[in-house]
Amino acid sequence: MSLGDEPGYGDGSRGEDRGYGGSGQTRTRLPGGAGDVYGGARRGRSSSRSLVTVVGVVVLLIAAIAFANRGDDSTSADTTTDKPETSATAATGDRPVGSKVAGIPAGFAHNPQGAESAAANFAVALGSADMFSRTRRDEILSAVITPSKVAEFKATLDQAYTPQFNRNLGLNEDGSAPQGYTFVSRTSPIGTKVTESTSDSATVEVWCSGLLGLAGENSTNPVTSTWFTITAQLEWTAGDWKIVTHSQKEGPAPVPGDDRASSADDIAKAVEEYGGFTYAR
């Protein structure tokens, strides 16, 4: 769940009903079975198969030795300090943040990479179930929004997270889940991209997957998944990155797979047992 999901805020929406595909089954015919027409023939190839097996083991052993030697920096003759190029999904090597404010990672690097890390972690916080609690929401906004914009954000979101809106989601008026149900609202960043940056400002796009719904046996709002992209304009203030503006749009969304939808109990158990991450670009 993120800011753009609420009525009257941004242009994003995650209210669509999403279906779940069935589970496909594939039958695989294994060779050498009773139905194999060659089942009892060509025994003369056993020596060849043994040779292939031995050669395969030797190749794997050589590869393992080469890999081990490559990872031993102490014996490497390469003394350069240049870092290898990284792929779009690889970490750059900078140390992640080591502190938190209101439970949210803080103390990001003063560079574009730090801005990306901040935007990803802020997306998680702003899309969490904690946003449905007035007290917790105010704490989150104070931690991630630039000080001059905090009051504006609070006023806007107070008008969005209304008792009626909570009831529409199947929640109690205060945003808590009814007894016997588990409310799920999670945002998971898939990737980040800086579109503009200066020494003290950056615009970052965060591609996300999200979960939203009420897990319970008789829930009329089951947990569904959505895909969306958040755009956050950040500024460097008081020694850290903070959000100035925040918006959201749908997608990019992949083609749904053939996974069978899990039961409400399985979803509730997963949400309770699996914690989140601190994201670092």
Protein backbone atom coordinates (compact mmCIF):
# COMPACT_ATOMS: atom_id res chain seq x y z
CA MET A 1 0.00 0.00 0.00
CA SER A 2 1.40 3.41 -0.84
CA LEU A 3 0.32 7.02 -0.82
CA GLY A 4 -1.08 7.00 -4.32
CA ASP A 5 -3.51 4.21 -3.45
CA GLU A 6 -5.81 6.44 -1.48
CA PRO A 7 -8.72 8.39 -2.97
CA GLY A 8 -7.83 12.02 -3.53
CA TYR A 9 -4.08 11.42 -3.45
CA GLY A 10 -1.89 11.06 -6.54
CA ASP A 11 -2.99 9.27 -9.64
CA GLY A 12 -2.18 5.67 -8.68
CA SER A 13 -4.68 2.99 -7.88
CA ARG A 14 -4.45 -0.45 -6.48
CA GLY A 15 -8.10 -1.17 -6.10
CA GLU A 16 -8.51 -3.46 -9.06
CA ASP A 17 -9.63 -7.02 -8.46
CA ARG A 18 -6.97 -9.39 -9.60
CA GLY A 19 -7.68 -13.01 -10.44
CA TYR A 20 -5.47 -15.96 -9.81
CA GLY A 21 -4.57 -18.48 -12.48
CA GLY A 22 -4.99 -22.20 -12.14
CA SER A 23 -2.14 -24.59 -11.69
CA GLY A 24 -0.84 -26.17 -14.88
CA GLN A 25 0.37 -29.76 -14.91
CA THR A 26 2.95 -31.26 -17.26
CA ARG A 27 3.65 -34.92 -17.74
CA THR A 28 7.24 -35.87 -18.42
CA ARG A 29 8.18 -39.19 -19.98
CA LEU A 30 11.45 -40.49 -18.61
CA PRO A 31 13.70 -42.66 -20.78
CA GLY A 32 14.75 -46.12 -19.71
CA GLY A 33 11.41 -47.09 -18.18
CA ALA A 34 9.42 -50.21 -18.81
CA GLY A 35 7.84 -48.62 -21.84
CA ASP A 36 11.20 -47.72 -23.41
CA VAL A 37 11.64 -49.71 -26.61
CA TYR A 38 15.37 -49.60 -25.97
CA GLY A 39 15.06 -50.68 -22.38
CA GLY A 40 17.06 -53.89 -22.57
CA ALA A 41 19.35 -53.17 -25.48
CA ARG A 42 22.67 -51.46 -26.21
CA ARG A 43 24.44 -52.55 -23.05
CA GLY A 44 27.69 -52.14 -24.88
CA ARG A 45 27.52 -48.38 -24.14
CA SER A 46 28.13 -48.81 -20.40
CA SER A 47 31.86 -48.21 -20.80
CA SER A 48 31.19 -45.02 -22.76
CA ARG A 49 28.79 -43.77 -20.11
CA SER A 50 31.38 -44.48 -17.40
CA LEU A 51 33.94 -42.46 -19.34
CA VAL A 52 31.52 -39.54 -19.69
CA THR A 53 30.83 -39.68 -15.94
CA VAL A 54 34.55 -39.62 -15.09
CA VAL A 55 35.21 -36.73 -17.49
CA GLY A 56 32.25 -34.83 -16.02
CA VAL A 57 33.58 -35.25 -12.48
CA VAL A 58 37.05 -34.06 -13.53
CA VAL A 59 35.58 -30.98 -15.26
CA LEU A 60 33.53 -30.10 -12.17
CA LEU A 61 36.60 -30.54 -9.95
CA ILE A 62 38.71 -28.26 -12.15
CA ALA A 63 35.94 -25.66 -12.20
CA ALA A 64 35.64 -25.79 -8.41
CA ILE A 65 39.40 -25.32 -7.97
CA ALA A 66 39.40 -22.39 -10.41
CA PHE A 67 36.48 -20.76 -8.59
CA ALA A 68 38.17 -21.17 -5.21
CA ASN A 69 41.41 -19.67 -6.48
CA ARG A 70 39.56 -16.76 -8.06
CA GLY A 71 37.89 -15.90 -4.75
CA ASP A 72 41.21 -15.90 -2.84
CA ASP A 73 42.23 -12.24 -2.89
CA SER A 74 45.36 -12.89 -0.86
CA THR A 75 46.98 -14.90 -3.68
CA SER A 76 45.70 -12.84 -6.57
CA ALA A 77 48.27 -11.06 -8.69
CA ASP A 78 45.80 -8.31 -9.56
CA THR A 79 46.52 -5.32 -7.32
CA THR A 80 44.15 -2.83 -8.95
CA THR A 81 41.59 -1.09 -6.79
CA ASP A 82 39.02 -0.53 -9.52
CA LYS A 83 35.63 -2.04 -8.75
CA PRO A 84 34.11 -4.31 -11.39
CA GLU A 85 31.11 -3.06 -13.26
CA THR A 86 27.82 -4.07 -11.70
CA SER A 87 24.57 -5.15 -13.27
CA ALA A 88 21.27 -3.36 -12.74
CA THR A 89 20.35 -5.65 -9.85
CA ALA A 90 23.76 -5.93 -8.17
CA ALA A 91 24.80 -4.00 -5.07
CA THR A 92 27.38 -1.29 -5.69
CA GLY A 93 29.46 -2.16 -2.67
CA ASP A 94 28.74 0.84 -0.43
CA ARG A 95 27.87 -0.08 3.14
CA PRO A 96 24.14 -0.01 3.94
CA VAL A 97 22.73 2.37 6.51
CA GLY A 98 23.43 1.60 10.14
CA SER A 99 20.69 3.53 11.93
CA LYS A 100 16.92 3.93 12.01
CA VAL A 101 14.45 6.70 12.80
CA ALA A 102 10.96 5.59 13.89
CA GLY A 103 11.93 2.10 12.77
CA ILE A 104 12.81 3.30 9.25
CA PRO A 105 16.36 3.09 7.85
CA ALA A 106 18.17 6.43 7.96
CA GLY A 107 21.63 7.90 7.41
CA PHE A 108 21.89 7.36 3.66
CA ALA A 109 24.93 8.29 1.58
CA HIS A 110 25.02 11.84 0.19
CA ASN A 111 25.06 10.74 -3.46
CA PRO A 112 22.62 9.42 -6.09
CA GLN A 113 23.04 5.88 -4.81
CA GLY A 114 22.05 6.99 -1.32
CA ALA A 115 19.00 8.75 -2.77
CA GLU A 116 17.94 5.49 -4.48
CA SER A 117 18.35 3.56 -1.23
CA ALA A 118 16.33 6.16 0.64
CA ALA A 119 13.52 6.16 -1.93
CA ALA A 120 13.26 2.35 -1.81
CA ASN A 121 13.09 2.21 1.98
CA PHE A 122 10.65 5.11 2.14
CA ALA A 123 8.39 3.32 -0.36
CA VAL A 124 8.28 0.32 1.98
CA ALA A 125 7.35 2.48 4.97
CA LEU A 126 4.70 4.48 3.12
CA GLY A 127 3.16 1.29 1.77
CA SER A 128 2.98 -0.53 5.09
CA ALA A 129 -0.02 -1.43 7.24
CA ASP A 130 1.31 1.05 9.83
CA MET A 131 0.03 3.87 7.65
CA PHE A 132 -3.53 2.98 8.68
CA SER A 133 -2.79 3.92 12.28
CA ARG A 134 -2.98 7.70 12.81
CA THR A 135 -0.23 7.71 15.45
CA ARG A 136 2.12 5.48 13.50
CA ARG A 137 1.42 7.33 10.25
CA ASP A 138 2.45 10.64 11.79
CA GLU A 139 5.71 9.05 13.00
CA ILE A 140 6.48 7.69 9.53
CA LEU A 141 5.77 10.99 7.81
CA SER A 142 7.96 12.88 10.27
CA ALA A 143 10.80 10.44 9.53
CA VAL A 144 10.68 10.41 5.71
CA ILE A 145 9.19 13.75 4.63
CA THR A 146 11.20 16.96 4.50
CA PRO A 147 10.31 19.11 7.55
CA SER A 148 8.69 21.91 5.55
CA LYS A 149 6.24 19.45 3.95
CA VAL A 150 5.31 17.25 6.91
CA ALA A 151 2.20 19.22 7.92
CA GLU A 152 0.93 19.24 4.33
CA PHE A 153 1.38 15.48 3.97
CA LYS A 154 -0.32 14.81 7.29
CA ALA A 155 -3.33 16.92 6.37
CA THR A 156 -3.67 15.25 2.97
CA LEU A 157 -3.45 11.73 4.32
CA ASP A 158 -5.80 12.41 7.21
CA GLN A 159 -8.41 13.19 4.56
CA ALA A 160 -7.59 9.93 2.73
CA TYR A 161 -7.38 7.45 5.61
CA THR A 162 -10.92 8.05 6.84
CA PRO A 163 -13.06 5.70 8.95
CA GLN A 164 -15.24 5.07 5.89
CA PHE A 165 -12.21 4.19 3.78
CA ASN A 166 -11.07 1.72 6.45
CA ARG A 167 -14.53 0.14 6.57
CA ASN A 168 -14.47 -0.26 2.80
CA LEU A 169 -11.33 -2.34 3.18
CA GLY A 170 -12.99 -4.46 5.86
CA LEU A 171 -11.03 -2.85 8.70
CA ASN A 172 -12.24 -1.29 11.90
CA GLU A 173 -12.69 2.48 11.79
CA ASP A 174 -9.33 3.03 13.50
CA GLY A 175 -7.53 1.04 10.80
CA SER A 176 -7.04 -2.13 12.83
CA ALA A 177 -8.01 -5.58 11.57
CA PRO A 178 -11.14 -7.25 12.96
CA GLN A 179 -10.59 -10.16 15.32
CA GLY A 180 -9.67 -13.31 13.44
CA TYR A 181 -8.30 -11.46 10.41
CA THR A 182 -4.84 -10.30 9.33
CA PHE A 183 -4.52 -7.05 7.40
CA VAL A 184 -1.84 -7.15 4.71
CA SER A 185 -0.31 -4.06 3.15
CA ARG A 186 3.24 -4.47 1.88
CA THR A 187 5.37 -2.80 -0.75
CA SER A 188 8.44 -4.54 -2.18
CA PRO A 189 10.80 -2.48 -4.36
CA ILE A 190 11.95 -4.35 -7.47
CA GLY A 191 14.36 -1.70 -8.72
CA THR A 192 15.25 1.99 -8.61
CA LYS A 193 16.33 4.61 -11.13
CA VAL A 194 17.57 8.19 -10.74
CA THR A 195 16.06 10.42 -13.40
CA GLU A 196 17.43 13.76 -12.19
CA SER A 197 20.04 14.69 -9.59
CA THR A 198 22.13 17.54 -8.25
CA SER A 199 24.39 17.66 -5.22
CA ASP A 200 21.43 18.16 -2.86
CA SER A 201 18.39 16.90 -4.77
CA ALA A 202 17.33 13.82 -6.69
CA THR A 203 14.28 12.42 -8.44
CA VAL A 204 14.03 8.66 -8.06
CA GLU A 205 11.63 6.16 -9.60
CA VAL A 206 10.96 2.98 -7.62
CA TRP A 207 9.37 0.03 -9.40
CA CYS A 208 7.36 -1.94 -6.86
CA SER A 209 5.17 -4.95 -6.27
CA GLY A 210 2.53 -4.67 -3.58
CA LEU A 211 0.15 -6.77 -1.51
CA LEU A 212 -3.12 -5.45 -0.14
CA GLY A 213 -6.11 -7.10 1.46
CA LEU A 214 -7.62 -8.78 4.49
CA ALA A 215 -6.66 -12.40 5.11
CA GLY A 216 -9.42 -14.37 6.78
CA GLU A 217 -11.82 -17.20 6.10
CA ASN A 218 -14.79 -14.98 5.25
CA SER A 219 -12.91 -11.94 3.94
CA THR A 220 -14.64 -10.04 1.15
CA ASN A 221 -11.35 -8.25 0.35
CA PRO A 222 -8.78 -11.06 -0.09
CA VAL A 223 -5.10 -10.22 -0.46
CA THR A 224 -4.23 -9.33 -4.06
CA SER A 225 -1.01 -8.24 -5.75
CA THR A 226 -0.37 -5.10 -7.79
CA TRP A 227 2.51 -3.51 -9.67
CA PHE A 228 3.25 0.21 -9.67
CA THR A 229 6.01 2.78 -9.96
CA ILE A 230 6.58 5.48 -7.36
CA THR A 231 8.30 8.75 -8.23
CA ALA A 232 9.86 10.56 -5.27
CA GLN A 233 11.57 13.91 -5.37
CA LEU A 234 14.14 14.03 -2.57
CA GLU A 235 16.24 16.75 -1.02
CA TRP A 236 19.27 16.56 1.23
CA THR A 237 18.35 18.18 4.53
CA ALA A 238 19.62 17.84 8.11
CA GLY A 239 22.20 15.29 6.99
CA ASP A 240 19.88 12.87 5.20
CA TRP A 241 17.56 12.41 2.23
CA LYS A 242 13.90 13.37 2.71
CA ILE A 243 10.86 13.31 0.41
CA VAL A 244 9.59 16.61 -1.07
CA THR A 245 6.94 15.22 -3.43
CA HIS A 246 5.57 11.72 -4.01
CA SER A 247 3.41 10.28 -6.80
CA GLN A 248 2.49 6.90 -8.21
CA LYS A 249 1.45 5.29 -11.49
CA GLU A 250 0.44 1.76 -12.46
CA GLY A 251 2.87 -0.85 -13.81
CA PRO A 252 4.98 -2.10 -15.40
CA ALA A 253 3.14 -5.35 -14.64
CA PRO A 254 4.29 -8.79 -15.83
CA VAL A 255 2.00 -11.44 -17.24
CA PRO A 256 0.40 -13.33 -14.31
CA GLY A 257 1.79 -16.81 -13.77
CA ASP A 258 -0.01 -20.08 -13.15
CA ASP A 259 0.55 -20.12 -9.38
CA ARG A 260 -2.37 -21.43 -7.39
CA ALA A 261 -3.71 -18.88 -4.91
CA SER A 262 -2.80 -19.77 -1.32
CA SER A 263 -5.32 -20.04 1.46
CA ALA A 264 -6.06 -17.10 3.74
CA ASP A 265 -4.34 -18.92 6.61
CA ASP A 266 -1.18 -19.42 4.55
CA ILE A 267 -1.07 -15.74 3.59
CA ALA A 268 -1.64 -14.59 7.18
CA LYS A 269 1.05 -16.96 8.45
CA ALA A 270 3.54 -15.77 5.83
CA VAL A 271 2.97 -12.11 6.69
CA GLU A 272 3.51 -12.82 10.39
CA GLU A 273 6.61 -15.00 9.91
CA TYR A 274 8.51 -13.25 7.11
CA GLY A 275 10.11 -9.92 7.94
CA GLY A 276 11.15 -7.19 5.55
CA PHE A 277 14.48 -5.87 4.35
CA THR A 278 16.63 -2.77 4.46
CA TYR A 279 17.18 -1.84 0.83
CA ALA A 280 20.54 -0.58 -0.44
CA ARG A 281 21.24 0.34 -4.05
